[in-house]
Amino acid sequence: MIRTASWLFFLVAGLHGPAHAQSLEVGQFVVADITAEDPRLDDGTSYDCWVFPSGPAGGTYTVRVASHLFDPVVDVGPGGDCTAQVHDGNDDDPDGGSNSHLQFAADGGPWFVRVSTVDPGETGQYRLNLAAGGTPGFGGYAGMMSDDGEYAYLVARLCAAVDLTVRPDLVVGRTAEDRAADAADSARLTRAAVEAGAVLGKSEAQVAADVAAEARDIPRDGSSFGAPLAEVRAECLADLDDVPAY
């Protein structure tokens, strides 16, 4: 898993069994990992198998898989066997980028969602969202919020902490215009944390203290995320903009 106790962007998936299907609910956001111990397809790529209960025949669903650690592939089909005949699949998002985005109609009963990698040997964390109807997104902290708002605050606090950590690096070699844009983005991430904290009854001072404590645990080299902090910050901003850019 990525690599600090605080990195819980969405619902954290349980441990994988070698080839066991994992339960997925419509509307659920999941964080999970492709590992070297996961089962493999005939082409040598590793995969995770998820199964969800589809509704009446003809119901439309949208699945999105995102990772900055590998190029994800998503395939869907009827039943609970992820090695069975695939109904439809997607490698790269039609809107651009290397993430996967697929809309499909199910015929009722259980359907599988298989997440795999493009190339053998690829591993890493990914995020999965299944929604009924049209396009889901990873954007907007409200979409990550549990009934008590804890998830939204978790994400917003972490994003503000990443911003606080990487902020000194944003002035190096930047134009005045770029620095002004960076400052505006930092203010937006801070405001998002304050607003998410307010849902839980936290004051601005409490949020600032939480963010500062989180930032102290974040290595400047981005090693806890498997990506440069500037990229993590950009992902946070994309979420805030309701742009599914992961």
C-alpha atoms as a PDB file:
ATOM      1  CA  MET A   1       0.000   0.000   0.000  1.00  0.00           C
ATOM      2  CA  ILE A   2       1.186   3.587  -0.334  1.00  0.00           C
ATOM      3  CA  ARG A   3       3.164   4.174   2.282  1.00  0.00           C
ATOM      4  CA  THR A   4       2.053   6.395   5.093  1.00  0.00           C
ATOM      5  CA  ALA A   5      -0.720   5.590   7.495  1.00  0.00           C
ATOM      6  CA  SER A   6      -2.515   8.714   6.326  1.00  0.00           C
ATOM      7  CA  TRP A   7      -2.754   7.804   2.627  1.00  0.00           C
ATOM      8  CA  LEU A   8      -6.366   6.611   2.667  1.00  0.00           C
ATOM      9  CA  PHE A   9      -7.762   8.531  -0.290  1.00  0.00           C
ATOM     10  CA  PHE A  10     -10.828   6.351  -0.523  1.00  0.00           C
ATOM     11  CA  LEU A  11     -12.131   3.154   0.992  1.00  0.00           C
ATOM     12  CA  VAL A  12      -9.099   0.931   1.556  1.00  0.00           C
ATOM     13  CA  ALA A  13      -9.517  -2.510   0.102  1.00  0.00           C
ATOM     14  CA  GLY A  14      -8.872  -5.616   2.147  1.00  0.00           C
ATOM     15  CA  LEU A  15      -6.003  -8.005   1.567  1.00  0.00           C
ATOM     16  CA  HIS A  16      -6.163  -9.865  -1.711  1.00  0.00           C
ATOM     17  CA  GLY A  17      -6.344 -13.601  -1.844  1.00  0.00           C
ATOM     18  CA  PRO A  18      -4.483 -15.093  -4.806  1.00  0.00           C
ATOM     19  CA  ALA A  19      -7.441 -15.393  -7.181  1.00  0.00           C
ATOM     20  CA  HIS A  20     -10.429 -14.573  -5.022  1.00  0.00           C
ATOM     21  CA  ALA A  21     -12.967 -12.062  -6.255  1.00  0.00           C
ATOM     22  CA  GLN A  22     -13.422  -9.077  -4.000  1.00  0.00           C
ATOM     23  CA  SER A  23     -16.816  -7.532  -3.366  1.00  0.00           C
ATOM     24  CA  LEU A  24     -17.574  -4.174  -4.983  1.00  0.00           C
ATOM     25  CA  GLU A  25     -20.694  -2.079  -4.484  1.00  0.00           C
ATOM     26  CA  VAL A  26     -22.169   0.356  -6.963  1.00  0.00           C
ATOM     27  CA  GLY A  27     -21.156   3.861  -5.920  1.00  0.00           C
ATOM     28  CA  GLN A  28     -18.081   2.660  -4.037  1.00  0.00           C
ATOM     29  CA  PHE A  29     -14.634   4.234  -4.202  1.00  0.00           C
ATOM     30  CA  VAL A  30     -11.799   1.805  -3.538  1.00  0.00           C
ATOM     31  CA  VAL A  31      -8.061   2.049  -3.120  1.00  0.00           C
ATOM     32  CA  ALA A  32      -6.122  -1.177  -3.722  1.00  0.00           C
ATOM     33  CA  ASP A  33      -2.819  -2.496  -5.052  1.00  0.00           C
ATOM     34  CA  ILE A  34      -1.667  -4.641  -7.915  1.00  0.00           C
ATOM     35  CA  THR A  35       1.120  -6.765  -6.427  1.00  0.00           C
ATOM     36  CA  ALA A  36       3.555  -9.386  -7.640  1.00  0.00           C
ATOM     37  CA  GLU A  37       1.537 -11.972  -5.695  1.00  0.00           C
ATOM     38  CA  ASP A  38      -1.706 -11.286  -7.584  1.00  0.00           C
ATOM     39  CA  PRO A  39      -2.978 -13.798 -10.167  1.00  0.00           C
ATOM     40  CA  ARG A  40      -1.836 -13.346 -13.756  1.00  0.00           C
ATOM     41  CA  LEU A  41      -3.480 -13.448 -17.131  1.00  0.00           C
ATOM     42  CA  ASP A  42      -2.125 -15.472 -20.048  1.00  0.00           C
ATOM     43  CA  ASP A  43      -0.033 -12.485 -21.181  1.00  0.00           C
ATOM     44  CA  GLY A  44       1.728 -12.367 -17.798  1.00  0.00           C
ATOM     45  CA  THR A  45       0.032  -9.216 -16.492  1.00  0.00           C
ATOM     46  CA  SER A  46      -1.222  -9.183 -12.896  1.00  0.00           C
ATOM     47  CA  TYR A  47      -4.844  -8.451 -12.068  1.00  0.00           C
ATOM     48  CA  ASP A  48      -7.371  -7.871  -9.306  1.00  0.00           C
ATOM     49  CA  CYS A  49     -10.875  -9.290  -9.594  1.00  0.00           C
ATOM     50  CA  TRP A  50     -13.919  -7.406  -8.306  1.00  0.00           C
ATOM     51  CA  VAL A  51     -17.557  -8.536  -8.474  1.00  0.00           C
ATOM     52  CA  PHE A  52     -20.644  -6.384  -8.062  1.00  0.00           C
ATOM     53  CA  PRO A  53     -24.390  -7.133  -8.133  1.00  0.00           C
ATOM     54  CA  SER A  54     -25.837  -5.448 -11.208  1.00  0.00           C
ATOM     55  CA  GLY A  55     -29.460  -4.385 -11.220  1.00  0.00           C
ATOM     56  CA  PRO A  56     -32.158  -5.077 -13.810  1.00  0.00           C
ATOM     57  CA  ALA A  57     -31.042  -6.034 -17.304  1.00  0.00           C
ATOM     58  CA  GLY A  58     -30.037  -3.055 -19.401  1.00  0.00           C
ATOM     59  CA  GLY A  59     -28.764  -1.003 -16.476  1.00  0.00           C
ATOM     60  CA  THR A  60     -25.852   1.242 -17.368  1.00  0.00           C
ATOM     61  CA  TYR A  61     -22.700   1.533 -15.272  1.00  0.00           C
ATOM     62  CA  THR A  62     -19.486   3.505 -15.493  1.00  0.00           C
ATOM     63  CA  VAL A  63     -16.178   2.341 -14.094  1.00  0.00           C
ATOM     64  CA  ARG A  64     -13.009   4.376 -13.815  1.00  0.00           C
ATOM     65  CA  VAL A  65      -9.578   3.096 -12.797  1.00  0.00           C
ATOM     66  CA  ALA A  66      -6.726   5.479 -12.108  1.00  0.00           C
ATOM     67  CA  SER A  67      -3.090   5.154 -11.110  1.00  0.00           C
ATOM     68  CA  HIS A  68       0.066   7.212 -11.379  1.00  0.00           C
ATOM     69  CA  LEU A  69       2.210   4.118 -10.736  1.00  0.00           C
ATOM     70  CA  PHE A  70       1.182   1.988 -13.718  1.00  0.00           C
ATOM     71  CA  ASP A  71      -1.002   2.080 -16.832  1.00  0.00           C
ATOM     72  CA  PRO A  72      -4.278   0.414 -15.787  1.00  0.00           C
ATOM     73  CA  VAL A  73      -6.605  -1.688 -17.918  1.00  0.00           C
ATOM     74  CA  VAL A  74     -10.225  -2.389 -16.960  1.00  0.00           C
ATOM     75  CA  ASP A  75     -12.351  -5.241 -18.324  1.00  0.00           C
ATOM     76  CA  VAL A  76     -15.919  -6.189 -17.408  1.00  0.00           C
ATOM     77  CA  GLY A  77     -18.123  -9.197 -17.997  1.00  0.00           C
ATOM     78  CA  PRO A  78     -21.015 -11.244 -16.618  1.00  0.00           C
ATOM     79  CA  GLY A  79     -20.486 -13.591 -13.684  1.00  0.00           C
ATOM     80  CA  GLY A  80     -17.847 -13.762 -11.012  1.00  0.00           C
ATOM     81  CA  ASP A  81     -14.930 -15.322 -12.897  1.00  0.00           C
ATOM     82  CA  CYS A  82     -12.436 -12.707 -14.045  1.00  0.00           C
ATOM     83  CA  THR A  83     -10.814 -15.199 -16.417  1.00  0.00           C
ATOM     84  CA  ALA A  84     -14.091 -15.691 -18.312  1.00  0.00           C
ATOM     85  CA  GLN A  85     -15.222 -14.023 -21.537  1.00  0.00           C
ATOM     86  CA  VAL A  86     -14.860 -10.247 -21.397  1.00  0.00           C
ATOM     87  CA  HIS A  87     -17.884  -8.177 -22.405  1.00  0.00           C
ATOM     88  CA  ASP A  88     -16.011  -4.891 -22.845  1.00  0.00           C
ATOM     89  CA  GLY A  89     -12.786  -3.207 -21.775  1.00  0.00           C
ATOM     90  CA  ASN A  90     -10.713  -0.050 -21.898  1.00  0.00           C
ATOM     91  CA  ASP A  91      -7.052   0.799 -21.646  1.00  0.00           C
ATOM     92  CA  ASP A  92      -6.825   4.577 -21.991  1.00  0.00           C
ATOM     93  CA  ASP A  93      -9.485   7.126 -21.090  1.00  0.00           C
ATOM     94  CA  PRO A  94     -11.312   8.368 -24.219  1.00  0.00           C
ATOM     95  CA  ASP A  95     -10.834  11.879 -22.861  1.00  0.00           C
ATOM     96  CA  GLY A  96      -7.072  11.435 -22.837  1.00  0.00           C
ATOM     97  CA  GLY A  97      -4.450  10.086 -20.474  1.00  0.00           C
ATOM     98  CA  SER A  98      -3.436   6.571 -19.520  1.00  0.00           C
ATOM     99  CA  ASN A  99      -6.188   5.869 -17.009  1.00  0.00           C
ATOM    100  CA  SER A 100      -9.182   3.686 -17.807  1.00  0.00           C
ATOM    101  CA  HIS A 101     -12.798   4.746 -18.206  1.00  0.00           C
ATOM    102  CA  LEU A 102     -15.594   2.482 -19.421  1.00  0.00           C
ATOM    103  CA  GLN A 103     -19.373   2.777 -19.673  1.00  0.00           C
ATOM    104  CA  PHE A 104     -21.325  -0.445 -20.213  1.00  0.00           C
ATOM    105  CA  ALA A 105     -24.757  -2.051 -19.921  1.00  0.00           C
ATOM    106  CA  ALA A 106     -25.144  -5.125 -17.702  1.00  0.00           C
ATOM    107  CA  ASP A 107     -27.775  -7.839 -18.067  1.00  0.00           C
ATOM    108  CA  GLY A 108     -28.484  -8.373 -14.376  1.00  0.00           C
ATOM    109  CA  GLY A 109     -26.891 -10.655 -11.811  1.00  0.00           C
ATOM    110  CA  PRO A 110     -23.235 -10.557 -10.756  1.00  0.00           C
ATOM    111  CA  TRP A 111     -20.692  -8.907 -13.032  1.00  0.00           C
ATOM    112  CA  PHE A 112     -16.938  -8.775 -12.693  1.00  0.00           C
ATOM    113  CA  VAL A 113     -14.624  -5.805 -12.969  1.00  0.00           C
ATOM    114  CA  ARG A 114     -11.043  -6.823 -13.689  1.00  0.00           C
ATOM    115  CA  VAL A 115      -8.214  -4.368 -13.112  1.00  0.00           C
ATOM    116  CA  SER A 116      -4.907  -5.283 -14.707  1.00  0.00           C
ATOM    117  CA  THR A 117      -1.717  -3.714 -15.999  1.00  0.00           C
ATOM    118  CA  VAL A 118      -0.657  -3.042 -19.571  1.00  0.00           C
ATOM    119  CA  ASP A 119       2.740  -4.680 -19.196  1.00  0.00           C
ATOM    120  CA  PRO A 120       3.893  -7.702 -17.180  1.00  0.00           C
ATOM    121  CA  GLY A 121       5.740  -6.829 -13.999  1.00  0.00           C
ATOM    122  CA  GLU A 122       3.896  -3.565 -13.355  1.00  0.00           C
ATOM    123  CA  THR A 123       2.630  -3.104  -9.790  1.00  0.00           C
ATOM    124  CA  GLY A 124       1.331  -0.303  -7.611  1.00  0.00           C
ATOM    125  CA  GLN A 125      -1.636   1.401  -6.074  1.00  0.00           C
ATOM    126  CA  TYR A 126      -4.768   2.269  -8.018  1.00  0.00           C
ATOM    127  CA  ARG A 127      -8.152   3.806  -7.384  1.00  0.00           C
ATOM    128  CA  LEU A 128     -11.385   2.309  -8.593  1.00  0.00           C
ATOM    129  CA  ASN A 129     -14.851   3.812  -8.792  1.00  0.00           C
ATOM    130  CA  LEU A 130     -18.021   2.110 -10.012  1.00  0.00           C
ATOM    131  CA  ALA A 131     -21.152   4.191 -10.507  1.00  0.00           C
ATOM    132  CA  ALA A 132     -24.630   3.631 -11.852  1.00  0.00           C
ATOM    133  CA  GLY A 133     -25.437   5.602 -14.992  1.00  0.00           C
ATOM    134  CA  GLY A 134     -23.103   8.276 -16.266  1.00  0.00           C
ATOM    135  CA  THR A 135     -19.537   9.217 -15.649  1.00  0.00           C
ATOM    136  CA  PRO A 136     -18.227   8.968 -12.116  1.00  0.00           C
ATOM    137  CA  GLY A 137     -15.244  10.986 -11.078  1.00  0.00           C
ATOM    138  CA  PHE A 138     -12.537  11.136  -8.490  1.00  0.00           C
ATOM    139  CA  GLY A 139     -12.982  14.875  -8.364  1.00  0.00           C
ATOM    140  CA  GLY A 140     -14.629  16.857  -5.640  1.00  0.00           C
ATOM    141  CA  TYR A 141     -13.923  16.015  -2.027  1.00  0.00           C
ATOM    142  CA  ALA A 142     -17.648  15.594  -1.419  1.00  0.00           C
ATOM    143  CA  GLY A 143     -17.507  12.483  -3.565  1.00  0.00           C
ATOM    144  CA  MET A 144     -15.072  10.943  -1.101  1.00  0.00           C
ATOM    145  CA  MET A 145     -17.078  11.840   1.976  1.00  0.00           C
ATOM    146  CA  SER A 146     -18.438   9.193   4.291  1.00  0.00           C
ATOM    147  CA  ASP A 147     -21.598   9.817   6.267  1.00  0.00           C
ATOM    148  CA  ASP A 148     -19.654  11.680   8.946  1.00  0.00           C
ATOM    149  CA  GLY A 149     -17.330  13.540   6.564  1.00  0.00           C
ATOM    150  CA  GLU A 150     -14.161  11.811   7.763  1.00  0.00           C
ATOM    151  CA  TYR A 151     -12.973  10.770   4.301  1.00  0.00           C
ATOM    152  CA  ALA A 152     -13.374  14.233   2.876  1.00  0.00           C
ATOM    153  CA  TYR A 153     -11.360  15.731   5.707  1.00  0.00           C
ATOM    154  CA  LEU A 154      -8.721  13.023   5.410  1.00  0.00           C
ATOM    155  CA  VAL A 155      -8.176  13.796   1.735  1.00  0.00           C
ATOM    156  CA  ALA A 156      -8.368  17.568   2.084  1.00  0.00           C
ATOM    157  CA  ARG A 157      -6.003  17.579   5.067  1.00  0.00           C
ATOM    158  CA  LEU A 158      -3.463  15.395   3.274  1.00  0.00           C
ATOM    159  CA  CYS A 159      -3.602  17.511   0.118  1.00  0.00           C
ATOM    160  CA  ALA A 160      -3.068  20.682   2.126  1.00  0.00           C
ATOM    161  CA  ALA A 161      -0.125  19.004   3.880  1.00  0.00           C
ATOM    162  CA  VAL A 162       1.432  18.012   0.563  1.00  0.00           C
ATOM    163  CA  ASP A 163       1.026  21.595  -0.617  1.00  0.00           C
ATOM    164  CA  LEU A 164       2.617  22.926   2.565  1.00  0.00           C
ATOM    165  CA  THR A 165       5.574  20.564   2.132  1.00  0.00           C
ATOM    166  CA  VAL A 166       6.233  21.270  -1.530  1.00  0.00           C
ATOM    167  CA  ARG A 167       5.458  24.988  -1.455  1.00  0.00           C
ATOM    168  CA  PRO A 168       9.074  26.181  -0.964  1.00  0.00           C
ATOM    169  CA  ASP A 169      10.068  24.346  -4.130  1.00  0.00           C
ATOM    170  CA  LEU A 170       7.424  26.112  -6.196  1.00  0.00           C
ATOM    171  CA  VAL A 171       9.298  29.420  -6.221  1.00  0.00           C
ATOM    172  CA  VAL A 172      12.466  28.012  -7.786  1.00  0.00           C
ATOM    173  CA  GLY A 173      12.838  29.098 -11.385  1.00  0.00           C
ATOM    174  CA  ARG A 174       9.242  30.294 -11.603  1.00  0.00           C
ATOM    175  CA  THR A 175       7.976  33.512 -13.131  1.00  0.00           C
ATOM    176  CA  ALA A 176       6.022  35.992 -11.051  1.00  0.00           C
ATOM    177  CA  GLU A 177       2.868  34.939 -12.890  1.00  0.00           C
ATOM    178  CA  ASP A 178       3.514  31.275 -12.119  1.00  0.00           C
ATOM    179  CA  ARG A 179       4.181  32.040  -8.466  1.00  0.00           C
ATOM    180  CA  ALA A 180       0.912  33.964  -8.237  1.00  0.00           C
ATOM    181  CA  ALA A 181      -0.979  31.028  -9.762  1.00  0.00           C
ATOM    182  CA  ASP A 182       0.739  28.631  -7.334  1.00  0.00           C
ATOM    183  CA  ALA A 183      -0.220  30.844  -4.409  1.00  0.00           C
ATOM    184  CA  ALA A 184      -3.840  30.874  -5.562  1.00  0.00           C
ATOM    185  CA  ASP A 185      -3.818  27.088  -5.841  1.00  0.00           C
ATOM    186  CA  SER A 186      -2.322  26.789  -2.355  1.00  0.00           C
ATOM    187  CA  ALA A 187      -5.089  29.001  -1.013  1.00  0.00           C
ATOM    188  CA  ARG A 188      -7.701  26.759  -2.629  1.00  0.00           C
ATOM    189  CA  LEU A 189      -6.216  23.611  -1.089  1.00  0.00           C
ATOM    190  CA  THR A 190      -6.055  25.280   2.310  1.00  0.00           C
ATOM    191  CA  ARG A 191      -9.636  26.476   1.989  1.00  0.00           C
ATOM    192  CA  ALA A 192     -10.788  22.980   1.030  1.00  0.00           C
ATOM    193  CA  ALA A 193      -9.212  21.590   4.208  1.00  0.00           C
ATOM    194  CA  VAL A 194     -10.820  24.302   6.327  1.00  0.00           C
ATOM    195  CA  GLU A 195     -14.241  23.670   4.781  1.00  0.00           C
ATOM    196  CA  ALA A 196     -13.952  19.897   5.190  1.00  0.00           C
ATOM    197  CA  GLY A 197     -12.818  20.363   8.764  1.00  0.00           C
ATOM    198  CA  ALA A 198     -15.727  22.668   9.499  1.00  0.00           C
ATOM    199  CA  VAL A 199     -18.123  19.817   8.655  1.00  0.00           C
ATOM    200  CA  LEU A 200     -16.564  17.947  11.580  1.00  0.00           C
ATOM    201  CA  GLY A 201     -16.725  20.969  13.887  1.00  0.00           C
ATOM    202  CA  LYS A 202     -13.036  21.842  13.615  1.00  0.00           C
ATOM    203  CA  SER A 203     -11.845  25.433  13.815  1.00  0.00           C
ATOM    204  CA  GLU A 204      -9.377  26.923  11.334  1.00  0.00           C
ATOM    205  CA  ALA A 205      -6.692  26.745  14.007  1.00  0.00           C
ATOM    206  CA  GLN A 206      -7.367  23.049  14.576  1.00  0.00           C
ATOM    207  CA  VAL A 207      -7.226  22.368  10.847  1.00  0.00           C
ATOM    208  CA  ALA A 208      -3.953  24.288  10.540  1.00  0.00           C
ATOM    209  CA  ALA A 209      -2.478  22.222  13.373  1.00  0.00           C
ATOM    210  CA  ASP A 210      -3.673  18.974  11.775  1.00  0.00           C
ATOM    211  CA  VAL A 211      -2.202  19.960   8.413  1.00  0.00           C
ATOM    212  CA  ALA A 212       1.120  20.944   9.973  1.00  0.00           C
ATOM    213  CA  ALA A 213       1.310  17.632  11.858  1.00  0.00           C
ATOM    214  CA  GLU A 214       0.546  15.738   8.651  1.00  0.00           C
ATOM    215  CA  ALA A 215       3.204  17.688   6.759  1.00  0.00           C
ATOM    216  CA  ARG A 216       5.879  16.748   9.284  1.00  0.00           C
ATOM    217  CA  ASP A 217       5.433  13.096   8.296  1.00  0.00           C
ATOM    218  CA  ILE A 218       5.768  13.666   4.537  1.00  0.00           C
ATOM    219  CA  PRO A 219       9.245  13.167   3.056  1.00  0.00           C
ATOM    220  CA  ARG A 220      10.248  15.973   0.703  1.00  0.00           C
ATOM    221  CA  ASP A 221      11.349  13.449  -1.928  1.00  0.00           C
ATOM    222  CA  GLY A 222       7.827  12.050  -2.339  1.00  0.00           C
ATOM    223  CA  SER A 223       8.967   8.539  -1.440  1.00  0.00           C
ATOM    224  CA  SER A 224       5.897   7.917   0.712  1.00  0.00           C
ATOM    225  CA  PHE A 225       3.687   8.376  -2.352  1.00  0.00           C
ATOM    226  CA  GLY A 226       5.779   6.792  -5.063  1.00  0.00           C
ATOM    227  CA  ALA A 227       5.613  10.049  -7.026  1.00  0.00           C
ATOM    228  CA  PRO A 228       7.072  13.565  -6.792  1.00  0.00           C
ATOM    229  CA  LEU A 229       5.126  15.780  -4.427  1.00  0.00           C
ATOM    230  CA  ALA A 230       4.475  18.283  -7.210  1.00  0.00           C
ATOM    231  CA  GLU A 231       2.596  15.540  -9.078  1.00  0.00           C
ATOM    232  CA  VAL A 232       0.613  14.596  -5.975  1.00  0.00           C
ATOM    233  CA  ARG A 233      -0.274  18.262  -5.497  1.00  0.00           C
ATOM    234  CA  ALA A 234      -1.421  18.468  -9.126  1.00  0.00           C
ATOM    235  CA  GLU A 235      -3.647  15.435  -8.560  1.00  0.00           C
ATOM    236  CA  CYS A 236      -5.151  17.084  -5.501  1.00  0.00           C
ATOM    237  CA  LEU A 237      -5.958  20.167  -7.552  1.00  0.00           C
ATOM    238  CA  ALA A 238      -7.479  18.019 -10.296  1.00  0.00           C
ATOM    239  CA  ASP A 239      -9.744  16.386  -7.719  1.00  0.00           C
ATOM    240  CA  LEU A 240     -10.719  19.796  -6.440  1.00  0.00           C
ATOM    241  CA  ASP A 241     -11.632  20.855  -9.969  1.00  0.00           C
ATOM    242  CA  ASP A 242     -13.833  17.775 -10.516  1.00  0.00           C
ATOM    243  CA  VAL A 243     -11.474  16.713 -13.292  1.00  0.00           C
ATOM    244  CA  PRO A 244     -10.785  12.956 -13.224  1.00  0.00           C
ATOM    245  CA  ALA A 245      -7.127  13.414 -14.089  1.00  0.00           C
ATOM    246  CA  TYR A 246      -5.608  10.465 -12.304  1.00  0.00           C
END
